[in-house]
N, C-alpha and C. Protein backbone atom coordinates (compact mmCIF):
# COMPACT_ATOMS: atom_id res chain seq x y z
N MET A 1 24.52 18.19 -6.62
CA MET A 1 23.34 17.94 -7.48
C MET A 1 22.97 16.72 -7.22
N MET A 2 23.95 15.98 -7.69
CA MET A 2 23.73 14.32 -7.27
C MET A 2 22.95 13.82 -5.92
N TYR A 3 23.35 14.82 -5.35
CA TYR A 3 22.69 14.36 -3.48
C TYR A 3 21.32 14.58 -3.56
N MET A 4 20.99 15.42 -4.12
CA MET A 4 19.73 16.44 -4.03
C MET A 4 18.58 15.45 -5.23
N ARG A 5 19.42 15.05 -6.11
CA ARG A 5 18.82 13.98 -6.89
C ARG A 5 18.12 12.50 -5.88
N GLN A 6 18.92 11.97 -4.99
CA GLN A 6 18.35 10.79 -4.17
C GLN A 6 17.89 11.58 -3.30
N VAL A 7 17.94 12.92 -2.37
CA VAL A 7 16.86 13.16 -1.31
C VAL A 7 15.49 13.14 -2.17
N ALA A 8 15.29 13.43 -3.58
CA ALA A 8 13.80 13.76 -3.88
C ALA A 8 13.60 12.73 -4.42
N VAL A 9 14.57 11.43 -5.05
CA VAL A 9 13.82 10.24 -4.83
C VAL A 9 13.49 9.70 -3.59
N LYS A 10 13.57 9.91 -2.83
CA LYS A 10 13.43 9.40 -1.19
C LYS A 10 12.73 10.23 -1.06
N LEU A 11 12.25 11.37 -1.56
CA LEU A 11 10.84 12.50 -0.84
C LEU A 11 10.22 11.58 -1.67
N TYR A 12 10.17 11.26 -2.99
CA TYR A 12 8.83 10.65 -3.77
C TYR A 12 8.02 9.74 -3.27
N TRP A 13 9.29 8.56 -3.08
CA TRP A 13 8.61 7.95 -1.93
C TRP A 13 8.08 7.61 -0.51
N PHE A 14 8.59 8.94 0.06
CA PHE A 14 8.13 9.36 0.77
C PHE A 14 7.09 9.82 0.89
N LEU A 15 6.21 10.98 -0.15
CA LEU A 15 5.15 11.30 -0.33
C LEU A 15 3.93 10.28 -0.51
N ILE A 16 4.45 9.66 -1.94
CA ILE A 16 3.39 8.61 -1.78
C ILE A 16 2.94 7.25 -0.55
N GLY A 17 3.88 7.30 -0.23
CA GLY A 17 3.93 6.49 1.36
C GLY A 17 2.75 6.98 2.16
N SER A 18 3.20 8.10 2.45
CA SER A 18 2.58 9.02 3.39
C SER A 18 0.73 8.94 3.11
N LEU A 19 0.66 9.36 1.77
CA LEU A 19 -1.02 9.55 0.63
C LEU A 19 -1.54 8.38 1.32
N ILE A 20 -0.57 7.52 0.89
CA ILE A 20 -1.50 5.85 1.08
C ILE A 20 -1.59 5.87 2.57
N ALA A 21 -0.70 6.10 3.52
CA ALA A 21 -1.39 5.44 4.58
C ALA A 21 -2.08 6.62 5.36
N GLN A 22 -2.12 7.89 5.26
CA GLN A 22 -3.21 8.86 5.49
C GLN A 22 -4.60 8.34 4.63
N PHE A 23 -4.92 7.45 3.60
CA PHE A 23 -6.14 7.01 3.42
C PHE A 23 -6.47 6.17 4.15
N PHE A 24 -5.94 4.74 4.45
CA PHE A 24 -5.98 3.86 5.27
C PHE A 24 -6.26 4.96 6.56
N LEU A 25 -5.69 5.57 7.24
CA LEU A 25 -5.91 5.89 8.58
C LEU A 25 -7.40 6.31 8.32
N LEU A 26 -7.44 7.62 7.54
CA LEU A 26 -9.05 8.18 7.30
C LEU A 26 -9.92 6.72 7.27
N LEU A 27 -9.79 6.00 6.10
CA LEU A 27 -10.65 4.69 6.25
C LEU A 27 -11.28 4.19 7.29
N PHE A 28 -9.98 3.66 7.76
CA PHE A 28 -10.37 2.87 9.05
C PHE A 28 -10.74 3.80 10.65
N ARG A 29 -11.05 4.94 10.40
CA ARG A 29 -11.30 6.26 11.35
C ARG A 29 -12.43 6.25 11.32
N ASN A 30 -12.87 6.72 10.08
CA ASN A 30 -14.56 6.88 9.48
C ASN A 30 -14.70 8.23 9.49
N VAL A 31 -13.44 9.19 9.25
CA VAL A 31 -13.62 10.79 9.88
C VAL A 31 -14.10 11.26 8.06
N GLY A 32 -13.78 11.01 7.45
CA GLY A 32 -13.85 11.34 6.27
C GLY A 32 -12.57 11.85 5.49
N PHE A 33 -11.98 12.29 4.28
CA PHE A 33 -11.51 12.68 3.70
C PHE A 33 -10.77 13.60 3.39
N PHE A 34 -11.42 14.83 3.97
CA PHE A 34 -10.86 15.92 3.96
C PHE A 34 -9.85 16.56 3.71
N THR A 35 -8.74 15.98 4.85
CA THR A 35 -7.22 16.17 4.81
C THR A 35 -6.78 15.89 3.67
N LEU A 36 -6.69 14.88 3.58
CA LEU A 36 -6.34 13.88 2.19
C LEU A 36 -6.31 14.55 0.77
N TRP A 37 -7.33 15.44 0.55
CA TRP A 37 -8.17 15.70 -0.51
C TRP A 37 -7.39 17.12 -0.71
N THR A 38 -7.11 18.09 0.56
CA THR A 38 -6.28 19.26 0.84
C THR A 38 -5.19 19.34 0.94
N THR A 39 -4.60 17.73 1.08
CA THR A 39 -3.02 17.59 0.61
C THR A 39 -2.72 17.73 -0.24
N ILE A 40 -3.42 16.80 -1.18
CA ILE A 40 -3.30 16.72 -2.54
C ILE A 40 -3.43 17.80 -3.62
N GLU A 41 -4.27 18.36 -3.30
CA GLU A 41 -4.47 19.37 -3.83
C GLU A 41 -3.42 20.83 -3.73
N TYR A 42 -3.07 20.94 -2.49
CA TYR A 42 -1.69 22.09 -2.11
C TYR A 42 -0.39 21.10 -2.69
N MET A 43 -0.56 20.02 -2.81
CA MET A 43 0.89 19.20 -3.67
C MET A 43 0.87 19.85 -5.10
N GLN A 44 -0.27 19.27 -5.63
CA GLN A 44 -0.54 19.84 -6.95
C GLN A 44 -0.29 21.62 -7.38
N LEU A 45 -0.57 22.23 -6.64
CA LEU A 45 0.24 23.69 -6.77
C LEU A 45 1.51 23.64 -6.74
N PHE A 46 1.93 23.19 -5.06
CA PHE A 46 3.50 23.52 -5.42
C PHE A 46 4.14 22.28 -6.22
N ALA A 47 3.62 21.47 -7.26
CA ALA A 47 4.29 20.86 -8.65
C ALA A 47 4.56 21.69 -9.39
N TYR A 48 3.85 22.50 -9.46
CA TYR A 48 3.71 23.60 -10.98
C TYR A 48 4.27 25.10 -10.92
N ILE A 49 4.94 25.28 -9.73
CA ILE A 49 5.82 26.12 -9.34
C ILE A 49 6.63 26.71 -10.54
N PRO A 50 7.75 25.45 -10.59
CA PRO A 50 8.78 25.57 -11.18
C PRO A 50 8.31 26.12 -12.90
N LEU A 51 7.03 25.94 -13.41
CA LEU A 51 6.37 26.02 -14.44
C LEU A 51 6.53 26.97 -14.92
N TYR A 52 5.92 28.04 -14.07
CA TYR A 52 6.37 29.42 -14.48
C TYR A 52 6.83 30.09 -15.18
N ASN A 53 7.35 31.61 -15.43
CA ASN A 53 8.00 32.04 -16.29
C ASN A 53 9.16 32.90 -15.61
N PHE A 54 10.14 31.78 -14.65
CA PHE A 54 10.87 31.92 -14.39
C PHE A 54 12.32 30.80 -14.04
N LYS A 55 13.36 31.16 -13.98
CA LYS A 55 14.24 30.13 -13.76
C LYS A 55 14.43 29.92 -12.68
N LEU A 56 14.59 28.97 -11.98
CA LEU A 56 15.06 28.51 -10.72
C LEU A 56 16.34 28.00 -10.79
N ILE A 57 17.21 27.92 -9.33
CA ILE A 57 18.52 27.33 -9.23
C ILE A 57 18.13 25.94 -9.61
N PRO A 58 19.00 25.77 -10.10
CA PRO A 58 19.22 24.06 -10.50
C PRO A 58 18.51 22.63 -9.54
N TYR A 59 18.75 23.16 -8.06
CA TYR A 59 18.79 21.81 -7.52
C TYR A 59 17.29 22.50 -6.86
N LEU A 60 16.75 23.16 -6.92
CA LEU A 60 15.23 23.23 -6.65
C LEU A 60 14.32 22.69 -7.32
N TYR A 61 14.63 22.86 -8.87
CA TYR A 61 13.37 21.78 -9.40
C TYR A 61 13.52 20.32 -8.96
N ASP A 62 14.73 20.08 -8.39
CA ASP A 62 14.63 18.77 -7.85
C ASP A 62 13.91 18.82 -6.52
N ALA A 63 13.55 19.62 -6.03
CA ALA A 63 13.15 19.86 -4.85
C ALA A 63 11.66 19.90 -5.43
N PHE A 64 11.43 20.39 -5.93
CA PHE A 64 9.37 20.47 -6.50
C PHE A 64 9.31 19.40 -6.86
N LYS A 65 9.99 18.30 -7.34
CA LYS A 65 9.86 17.30 -8.46
C LYS A 65 9.30 16.63 -7.78
N PRO A 66 8.99 15.81 -6.24
CA PRO A 66 8.14 14.82 -5.66
C PRO A 66 7.09 15.02 -5.77
N PHE A 67 6.84 16.40 -5.88
CA PHE A 67 5.41 16.79 -5.57
C PHE A 67 4.23 16.44 -7.03
N LEU A 68 5.11 16.00 -7.97
CA LEU A 68 4.79 15.64 -9.12
C LEU A 68 3.89 14.13 -8.80
N VAL A 69 3.82 13.80 -7.63
CA VAL A 69 3.32 12.47 -7.97
C VAL A 69 1.87 12.92 -7.48
N SER A 70 1.48 14.10 -7.22
CA SER A 70 0.01 14.48 -6.57
C SER A 70 -0.69 14.43 -8.39
N HIS A 71 0.02 14.63 -9.49
CA HIS A 71 -0.70 14.79 -11.06
C HIS A 71 -0.37 13.39 -10.85
N LEU A 72 0.07 12.28 -10.82
CA LEU A 72 0.08 10.77 -11.15
C LEU A 72 1.47 10.81 -11.87
N MET A 73 2.29 11.67 -11.80
CA MET A 73 3.95 11.16 -12.58
C MET A 73 4.43 10.49 -11.47
N LEU A 74 4.55 9.09 -11.46
CA LEU A 74 4.92 8.35 -10.82
C LEU A 74 6.45 7.86 -10.83
N THR A 75 6.64 7.97 -12.15
CA THR A 75 8.22 7.67 -12.18
C THR A 75 8.57 8.44 -13.28
N ASN A 76 10.04 8.65 -13.60
CA ASN A 76 11.02 9.49 -13.95
C ASN A 76 10.84 8.73 -15.65
N GLU A 77 10.48 7.81 -15.78
CA GLU A 77 10.65 6.95 -17.17
C GLU A 77 9.27 6.76 -17.79
N ALA A 78 9.50 7.74 -18.99
CA ALA A 78 8.11 8.03 -19.69
C ALA A 78 7.67 6.59 -20.51
N LEU A 79 6.30 6.04 -20.06
CA LEU A 79 5.75 4.53 -20.29
C LEU A 79 4.90 4.53 -21.33
N VAL A 80 4.39 5.81 -21.70
CA VAL A 80 3.20 6.24 -22.53
C VAL A 80 3.88 7.04 -23.27
N LEU A 81 3.76 7.06 -25.05
CA LEU A 81 4.31 7.60 -25.91
C LEU A 81 5.83 7.90 -25.66
N PRO A 82 6.72 6.99 -25.12
CA PRO A 82 8.41 6.85 -25.04
C PRO A 82 8.87 7.76 -26.25
N GLU A 83 8.24 7.90 -27.43
CA GLU A 83 9.33 8.62 -28.32
C GLU A 83 9.16 10.27 -28.09
N MET A 84 8.08 10.43 -27.60
CA MET A 84 7.81 12.00 -27.46
C MET A 84 8.80 12.60 -26.03
N ASP A 85 9.31 11.47 -25.61
CA ASP A 85 10.05 11.54 -24.14
C ASP A 85 11.28 12.89 -24.06
N ASN A 86 11.63 13.27 -25.61
CA ASN A 86 12.65 14.72 -25.33
C ASN A 86 12.07 15.73 -26.10
N ASP A 87 10.64 15.57 -25.70
CA ASP A 87 9.65 16.65 -26.34
C ASP A 87 9.45 17.56 -25.39
N PHE A 88 9.71 19.05 -25.18
CA PHE A 88 9.44 19.39 -24.00
C PHE A 88 8.32 20.68 -24.82
N ILE A 89 7.75 21.19 -23.62
CA ILE A 89 6.24 22.48 -24.25
C ILE A 89 6.95 23.59 -24.57
N ASN A 90 8.18 23.89 -23.22
CA ASN A 90 9.37 25.05 -23.69
C ASN A 90 9.66 24.81 -22.82
N ILE A 91 11.27 25.29 -22.67
CA ILE A 91 12.34 25.68 -22.22
C ILE A 91 12.43 25.44 -20.16
N ASN A 92 11.24 25.84 -19.93
CA ASN A 92 10.69 25.52 -18.27
C ASN A 92 10.68 24.07 -18.27
N TYR A 93 10.13 23.46 -19.16
CA TYR A 93 9.37 22.29 -18.79
C TYR A 93 10.97 21.09 -18.78
N ASP A 94 11.91 21.71 -19.93
CA ASP A 94 12.65 20.95 -20.07
C ASP A 94 13.77 21.00 -18.23
N TYR A 95 13.56 22.35 -18.01
CA TYR A 95 15.08 22.25 -16.51
C TYR A 95 14.01 21.09 -15.71
N TYR A 96 12.57 20.93 -16.07
CA TYR A 96 12.08 20.39 -14.92
C TYR A 96 11.61 18.93 -14.80
N ASP A 97 12.12 18.66 -16.15
CA ASP A 97 12.80 17.19 -16.97
C ASP A 97 11.06 16.92 -16.60
N LEU A 98 10.11 17.61 -17.91
CA LEU A 98 8.59 17.05 -17.22
C LEU A 98 8.20 17.44 -18.97
N SER A 99 8.40 15.45 -19.64
CA SER A 99 8.31 15.87 -21.17
C SER A 99 6.60 15.89 -21.54
N ILE A 100 6.61 16.17 -22.58
CA ILE A 100 4.98 15.82 -23.04
C ILE A 100 4.79 13.83 -23.12
N ALA A 101 6.10 13.07 -23.23
CA ALA A 101 4.96 11.84 -22.50
C ALA A 101 5.05 11.70 -21.03
N LYS A 102 5.99 12.47 -20.29
CA LYS A 102 5.35 12.06 -19.07
C LYS A 102 3.73 12.57 -18.62
N LEU A 103 3.58 14.29 -19.58
CA LEU A 103 2.40 14.90 -19.65
C LEU A 103 1.12 13.41 -19.96
N ALA A 104 1.48 12.65 -20.79
CA ALA A 104 0.38 12.10 -21.67
C ALA A 104 0.21 10.92 -20.73
N GLN A 105 1.28 10.43 -20.17
CA GLN A 105 1.57 8.97 -18.78
C GLN A 105 0.43 9.80 -17.94
N ALA A 106 0.68 10.96 -17.42
CA ALA A 106 -0.25 11.40 -16.41
C ALA A 106 -2.06 11.52 -16.36
N LEU A 107 -2.11 11.89 -18.15
CA LEU A 107 -3.51 11.63 -18.80
C LEU A 107 -3.88 10.32 -18.67
N PHE A 108 -3.35 9.68 -19.08
CA PHE A 108 -3.68 8.19 -19.21
C PHE A 108 -4.25 7.40 -17.56
N LEU A 109 -2.74 7.56 -16.75
CA LEU A 109 -3.45 7.37 -15.44
C LEU A 109 -4.63 7.82 -15.03
N MET A 110 -4.81 9.06 -15.55
CA MET A 110 -6.24 9.73 -15.11
C MET A 110 -7.17 8.80 -15.44
N ALA A 111 -7.40 8.66 -16.75
CA ALA A 111 -8.14 7.90 -17.00
C ALA A 111 -8.20 6.29 -16.53
N CYS A 112 -7.14 5.84 -15.85
CA CYS A 112 -7.46 4.52 -15.39
C CYS A 112 -7.43 4.83 -14.09
N GLY A 113 -7.71 5.95 -13.34
CA GLY A 113 -8.31 5.96 -11.99
C GLY A 113 -9.60 6.52 -12.18
N LEU A 114 -10.02 7.08 -13.24
CA LEU A 114 -12.09 6.76 -12.86
C LEU A 114 -12.17 5.57 -13.36
N GLY A 115 -11.67 5.24 -14.38
CA GLY A 115 -12.20 3.24 -14.62
C GLY A 115 -12.41 2.67 -12.76
N LEU A 116 -11.53 3.00 -12.73
CA LEU A 116 -10.97 1.98 -11.24
C LEU A 116 -12.45 2.55 -10.62
N VAL A 117 -12.35 3.95 -9.70
CA VAL A 117 -13.78 4.86 -9.38
C VAL A 117 -14.90 3.73 -9.25
N ILE A 118 -14.90 4.16 -10.99
CA ILE A 118 -16.43 3.14 -11.71
C ILE A 118 -16.40 1.72 -11.32
N VAL A 119 -15.28 1.23 -11.40
CA VAL A 119 -15.32 -0.38 -11.06
C VAL A 119 -15.94 -0.23 -9.69
N THR A 120 -14.57 0.22 -8.75
CA THR A 120 -15.51 0.21 -7.10
C THR A 120 -16.42 0.54 -6.67
N ASN A 121 -17.40 1.92 -7.58
CA ASN A 121 -18.77 2.12 -7.18
C ASN A 121 -19.78 0.16 -7.85
N ILE A 122 -19.16 0.46 -8.81
CA ILE A 122 -19.78 -1.02 -9.33
C ILE A 122 -20.22 -1.83 -8.05
N LEU A 123 -18.66 -2.41 -7.53
CA LEU A 123 -19.04 -3.36 -6.86
C LEU A 123 -19.29 -2.95 -5.25
N VAL A 124 -19.47 -2.14 -5.05
CA VAL A 124 -19.95 -1.58 -3.70
C VAL A 124 -21.56 -1.88 -3.85
N GLY A 125 -22.00 -1.44 -5.10
CA GLY A 125 -23.55 -1.42 -5.30
C GLY A 125 -23.74 -2.93 -5.36
N LEU A 126 -22.99 -3.83 -6.19
CA LEU A 126 -23.72 -4.99 -6.07
C LEU A 126 -23.52 -5.94 -4.36
N ALA A 127 -22.29 -5.29 -3.51
CA ALA A 127 -22.65 -6.06 -2.84
C ALA A 127 -23.28 -5.37 -1.37
N TYR A 128 -23.76 -4.16 -2.22
CA TYR A 128 -25.18 -3.67 -1.32
C TYR A 128 -26.60 -4.12 -1.32
N LEU A 129 -26.57 -4.55 -2.90
CA LEU A 129 -27.41 -5.37 -3.53
C LEU A 129 -28.17 -6.98 -2.78
N CYS A 130 -26.50 -7.28 -3.08
CA CYS A 130 -26.56 -8.57 -2.99
C CYS A 130 -26.36 -9.14 -1.49
N CYS A 131 -26.05 -8.00 -0.28
CA CYS A 131 -26.50 -8.17 1.55
C CYS A 131 -27.72 -8.39 1.88
N PRO A 132 -27.94 -9.55 2.47
CA PRO A 132 -29.56 -9.10 2.95
C PRO A 132 -29.54 -8.39 4.53
N GLU A 133 -30.41 -7.87 4.56
CA GLU A 133 -30.37 -6.87 5.22
C GLU A 133 -31.03 -7.83 6.63
N SER A 134 -31.70 -8.66 6.63
CA SER A 134 -32.21 -9.51 7.70
C SER A 134 -30.83 -9.90 8.62
N ARG A 135 -29.91 -10.51 7.73
CA ARG A 135 -28.76 -11.06 8.44
C ARG A 135 -27.37 -10.07 8.80
N PHE A 136 -27.45 -9.36 8.23
CA PHE A 136 -26.26 -8.93 8.35
C PHE A 136 -26.73 -6.90 8.14
N PRO A 137 -27.72 -6.57 9.34
CA PRO A 137 -27.79 -4.74 9.09
C PRO A 137 -26.91 -3.54 8.88
N ASN A 138 -26.05 -3.85 9.75
CA ASN A 138 -24.88 -3.19 10.37
C ASN A 138 -23.75 -3.00 8.57
N ALA A 139 -23.89 -4.33 7.91
CA ALA A 139 -22.94 -4.25 6.62
C ALA A 139 -23.51 -3.51 5.61
N LYS A 140 -25.23 -4.06 5.62
CA LYS A 140 -26.20 -3.64 4.66
C LYS A 140 -25.99 -1.56 5.45
N ALA A 141 -25.81 -1.27 6.14
CA ALA A 141 -25.93 0.45 6.43
C ALA A 141 -24.61 1.00 6.19
N TYR A 142 -23.83 0.26 6.37
CA TYR A 142 -21.87 0.63 6.03
C TYR A 142 -22.23 0.85 4.88
N LEU A 143 -22.36 -0.21 3.72
CA LEU A 143 -22.51 0.20 2.32
C LEU A 143 -23.47 1.08 1.95
N GLY A 144 -24.58 1.03 2.68
CA GLY A 144 -25.45 2.19 2.34
C GLY A 144 -24.38 3.63 1.88
N ASP A 145 -24.25 3.85 3.17
CA ASP A 145 -23.09 5.13 3.84
C ASP A 145 -22.12 5.18 2.33
N LEU A 146 -21.73 3.98 2.09
CA LEU A 146 -20.26 3.82 1.07
C LEU A 146 -21.34 4.16 0.07
N LEU A 147 -22.10 4.23 -0.75
CA LEU A 147 -22.89 4.54 -1.84
C LEU A 147 -22.83 6.11 -2.05
N ARG A 148 -23.62 6.59 -0.83
CA ARG A 148 -23.90 7.78 -0.31
C ARG A 148 -22.67 8.32 -0.78
N GLN A 149 -21.58 7.95 -0.30
CA GLN A 149 -19.92 8.69 -0.65
C GLN A 149 -19.80 8.89 -1.97
N TYR A 150 -19.98 7.49 -2.96
CA TYR A 150 -19.90 7.75 -4.35
C TYR A 150 -20.71 8.60 -4.67
N ARG A 151 -21.83 8.59 -4.63
CA ARG A 151 -23.10 9.72 -4.82
C ARG A 151 -22.55 11.42 -5.16
N PHE A 152 -22.01 11.64 -3.97
CA PHE A 152 -21.84 12.78 -3.60
C PHE A 152 -20.57 13.31 -3.46
N ASN A 153 -19.73 12.61 -2.98
CA ASN A 153 -18.26 12.85 -2.66
C ASN A 153 -17.03 12.52 -3.69
N ALA A 154 -17.31 10.97 -3.90
CA ALA A 154 -16.02 10.18 -4.75
C ALA A 154 -16.10 11.07 -6.56
N TYR A 155 -16.93 11.10 -7.15
CA TYR A 155 -16.92 11.42 -8.47
C TYR A 155 -16.58 13.15 -8.43
N ILE A 156 -17.37 13.84 -7.34
CA ILE A 156 -16.71 15.11 -7.85
C ILE A 156 -15.35 15.45 -6.98
N ARG A 157 -14.81 14.82 -6.22
CA ARG A 157 -13.33 14.98 -5.82
C ARG A 157 -12.45 13.94 -6.88
N TYR A 158 -12.84 13.45 -7.54
CA TYR A 158 -11.55 12.94 -8.18
C TYR A 158 -11.63 13.76 -9.65
N TYR A 159 -13.15 14.40 -9.70
CA TYR A 159 -12.98 15.58 -11.30
C TYR A 159 -12.21 16.67 -10.48
N MET A 160 -12.31 17.16 -9.05
CA MET A 160 -11.34 18.17 -8.50
C MET A 160 -9.95 17.76 -8.36
N LEU A 161 -9.59 16.61 -8.66
CA LEU A 161 -8.22 16.47 -8.71
C LEU A 161 -7.90 16.57 -9.88
N CYS A 162 -8.46 16.27 -10.40
CA CYS A 162 -7.94 15.88 -11.95
C CYS A 162 -7.91 17.41 -12.89
N TYR A 163 -9.39 17.85 -12.71
CA TYR A 163 -9.59 19.14 -13.65
C TYR A 163 -7.68 20.18 -13.53
N PHE A 164 -7.18 20.25 -12.40
CA PHE A 164 -6.31 21.31 -12.22
C PHE A 164 -5.38 21.37 -13.72
N ASP A 165 -4.88 19.27 -13.71
CA ASP A 165 -3.81 18.65 -14.93
C ASP A 165 -4.85 19.49 -16.16
N LEU A 166 -6.14 18.87 -16.58
CA LEU A 166 -6.77 18.72 -17.36
C LEU A 166 -7.35 20.39 -18.12
N THR A 167 -7.31 21.21 -16.83
CA THR A 167 -7.63 23.07 -17.56
C THR A 167 -5.86 23.20 -17.80
N PHE A 168 -4.88 22.92 -17.33
CA PHE A 168 -3.55 23.45 -17.39
C PHE A 168 -3.19 22.77 -18.97
N PHE A 169 -3.01 21.56 -18.87
CA PHE A 169 -3.01 20.91 -20.18
C PHE A 169 -3.43 21.31 -21.25
N ALA A 170 -4.77 21.44 -20.96
CA ALA A 170 -5.71 22.07 -22.58
C ALA A 170 -5.15 23.91 -22.46
N VAL A 171 -4.41 24.06 -21.63
CA VAL A 171 -4.12 25.86 -21.88
C VAL A 171 -3.44 25.60 -22.23
N THR A 172 -2.05 24.94 -22.02
CA THR A 172 -1.05 24.77 -22.31
C THR A 172 -1.28 24.67 -24.64
N LYS A 173 -1.91 23.72 -23.96
CA LYS A 173 -1.82 22.86 -25.57
C LYS A 173 -2.60 24.09 -26.35
N LEU A 174 -3.30 25.06 -26.11
CA LEU A 174 -3.46 26.26 -26.81
C LEU A 174 -2.80 26.81 -27.20
N LEU A 175 -1.91 27.61 -25.90
CA LEU A 175 -0.74 28.57 -25.83
C LEU A 175 0.09 27.91 -27.20
C-alpha cells in the first residue's frame, strides 16, 4: 500500500511536468493546443471514476489520484478551508481522500486561473497597442494572432476545462 502511494506521488509530478512540457512544446512550435486540451479532458474523466457508486480495491484509489491534477488539486494538503479537511460528501470521497476543503481549493484555483487568463489577455493587448508596426511588423502580426486566440480560443477552452468541475460540484451540492 505504501509503495503505491509513492508511485502515485511520482505519477503526480510526472503528469504535471508532462502537461507543462507539452504546453511549451506546442507554444513554441505554434501548432495549436488541441492535443493538450484533449489530454486534460481525458484526465478529468479518469480522475472522477472512483467517485461513482462502487468501491474499488484500495490501491486503485492511489492509482487514479494523480489524475486529480487536471482538476487543479495539486497537493494532498488542504490550503483553503482546512477546518473542513475531514468532511466528505459521501463514503467514496472518503476512500478517495477528496475532502470538501480540497474541492474548495480547486474552485479557488479555478478562479485564480481565470484571473491569470484575463491578466495575460490585458498584457498581450497592451503589448499589441504599444508595438509600433513600422519598426516591428512581425511582432505586431504575432501579437495580433495571439489576441485572436484569446478572443476565440482561450476563454472558451478555459471554461470547458472548468465546466466539468463546476457542474459536478453543483450537482453534488444539490444532491
